[in-house]
Amino acid sequence: RAVYDESCVGCHRENGEGGVAEFNGEKIKVPNFKSKGAMAASDEKLADYIRNGEEGAMPAFNDKLKPEEITALVKFIRTEFQGK
């Protein structure tokens, strides 16, 4: 939870619902972790998004988080927001 609160809450919100956020001075639509796409994504795909980001939509955290923190974030998202 601490890593999520520090690195993710700003855009994905405390409840994981995302919404409109500001990123690099632009407003972006942050996906809900309960969306069909997020629910269907494999653990590796979610980890890849966290590691490498997405151009113009999400920063990369590869240089900010350890591999085990990224793995823990995926598990946290699955259990906290997706009920898996």
Protein backbone atom coordinates (compact mmCIF):
# COMPACT_ATOMS: atom_id res chain seq x y z
CA ARG A 1 0.00 0.00 0.00
CA ALA A 2 2.82 2.41 0.82
CA VAL A 3 4.34 2.11 -2.67
CA TYR A 4 0.92 2.63 -4.25
CA ASP A 5 0.25 5.66 -2.06
CA GLU A 6 3.63 7.17 -2.91
CA SER A 7 3.75 6.42 -6.63
CA CYS A 8 0.23 5.88 -7.97
CA VAL A 9 -2.44 7.72 -5.96
CA GLY A 10 -1.81 11.03 -7.73
CA CYS A 11 -3.32 9.74 -10.95
CA HIS A 12 -5.09 6.48 -10.12
CA ARG A 13 -6.68 7.86 -6.91
CA GLU A 14 -6.99 6.04 -3.60
CA ASN A 15 -9.85 3.90 -4.91
CA GLY A 16 -8.11 2.89 -8.17
CA GLU A 17 -10.84 4.47 -10.30
CA GLY A 18 -8.52 6.84 -12.15
CA GLY A 19 -10.31 9.61 -14.04
CA VAL A 20 -8.91 12.85 -15.38
CA ALA A 21 -5.44 13.77 -14.11
CA GLU A 22 -2.67 16.12 -15.16
CA PHE A 23 0.47 14.57 -16.61
CA ASN A 24 3.31 16.60 -18.12
CA GLY A 25 1.08 19.67 -18.17
CA GLU A 26 -1.71 17.92 -20.08
CA LYS A 27 -4.99 16.44 -18.93
CA ILE A 28 -5.13 12.69 -19.47
CA LYS A 29 -7.76 10.02 -18.86
CA VAL A 30 -6.40 7.54 -16.34
CA PRO A 31 -8.00 4.09 -16.60
CA ASN A 32 -9.96 2.47 -13.81
CA PHE A 33 -8.30 -0.68 -12.47
CA LYS A 34 -11.74 -2.33 -12.68
CA SER A 35 -12.06 -1.63 -16.41
CA LYS A 36 -12.31 -4.59 -18.80
CA GLY A 37 -8.85 -3.86 -20.17
CA ALA A 38 -7.18 -3.72 -16.77
CA MET A 39 -9.01 -6.81 -15.57
CA ALA A 40 -8.03 -8.77 -18.70
CA ALA A 41 -4.38 -7.67 -18.74
CA SER A 42 -1.90 -10.28 -17.60
CA ASP A 43 0.24 -9.65 -14.55
CA GLU A 44 3.23 -9.26 -16.87
CA LYS A 45 1.40 -6.64 -18.96
CA LEU A 46 0.52 -4.62 -15.86
CA ALA A 47 4.13 -4.89 -14.67
CA ASP A 48 5.28 -3.76 -18.12
CA TYR A 49 3.06 -0.64 -17.93
CA ILE A 50 4.50 0.16 -14.51
CA ARG A 51 8.10 -0.44 -15.62
CA ASN A 52 7.98 1.28 -19.00
CA GLY A 53 5.00 3.62 -18.81
CA GLU A 54 3.04 4.63 -21.85
CA GLU A 55 3.97 7.53 -24.12
CA GLY A 56 2.06 10.65 -23.11
CA ALA A 57 -0.12 8.77 -20.63
CA MET A 58 1.94 7.25 -17.83
CA PRO A 59 5.49 7.75 -16.61
CA ALA A 60 7.91 4.82 -16.45
CA PHE A 61 8.82 3.66 -12.95
CA ASN A 62 11.64 1.29 -13.91
CA ASP A 63 14.24 3.68 -12.52
CA LYS A 64 12.15 4.58 -9.46
CA LEU A 65 10.91 1.20 -8.20
CA LYS A 66 12.69 -2.07 -7.52
CA PRO A 67 11.47 -5.17 -9.42
CA GLU A 68 9.97 -6.59 -6.21
CA GLU A 69 8.06 -3.33 -5.63
CA ILE A 70 6.58 -3.55 -9.13
CA THR A 71 5.57 -7.16 -8.50
CA ALA A 72 4.00 -6.13 -5.19
CA LEU A 73 2.10 -3.30 -6.92
CA VAL A 74 0.60 -5.73 -9.43
CA LYS A 75 -0.49 -8.01 -6.57
CA PHE A 76 -1.91 -5.02 -4.67
CA ILE A 77 -3.92 -3.86 -7.71
CA ARG A 78 -5.26 -7.39 -8.24
CA THR A 79 -6.36 -7.88 -4.65
CA GLU A 80 -7.34 -4.35 -3.60
CA PHE A 81 -9.16 -3.19 -6.73
CA GLN A 82 -9.98 -6.27 -8.77
CA GLY A 83 -10.89 -8.82 -6.11
CA LYS A 84 -8.50 -11.43 -7.50
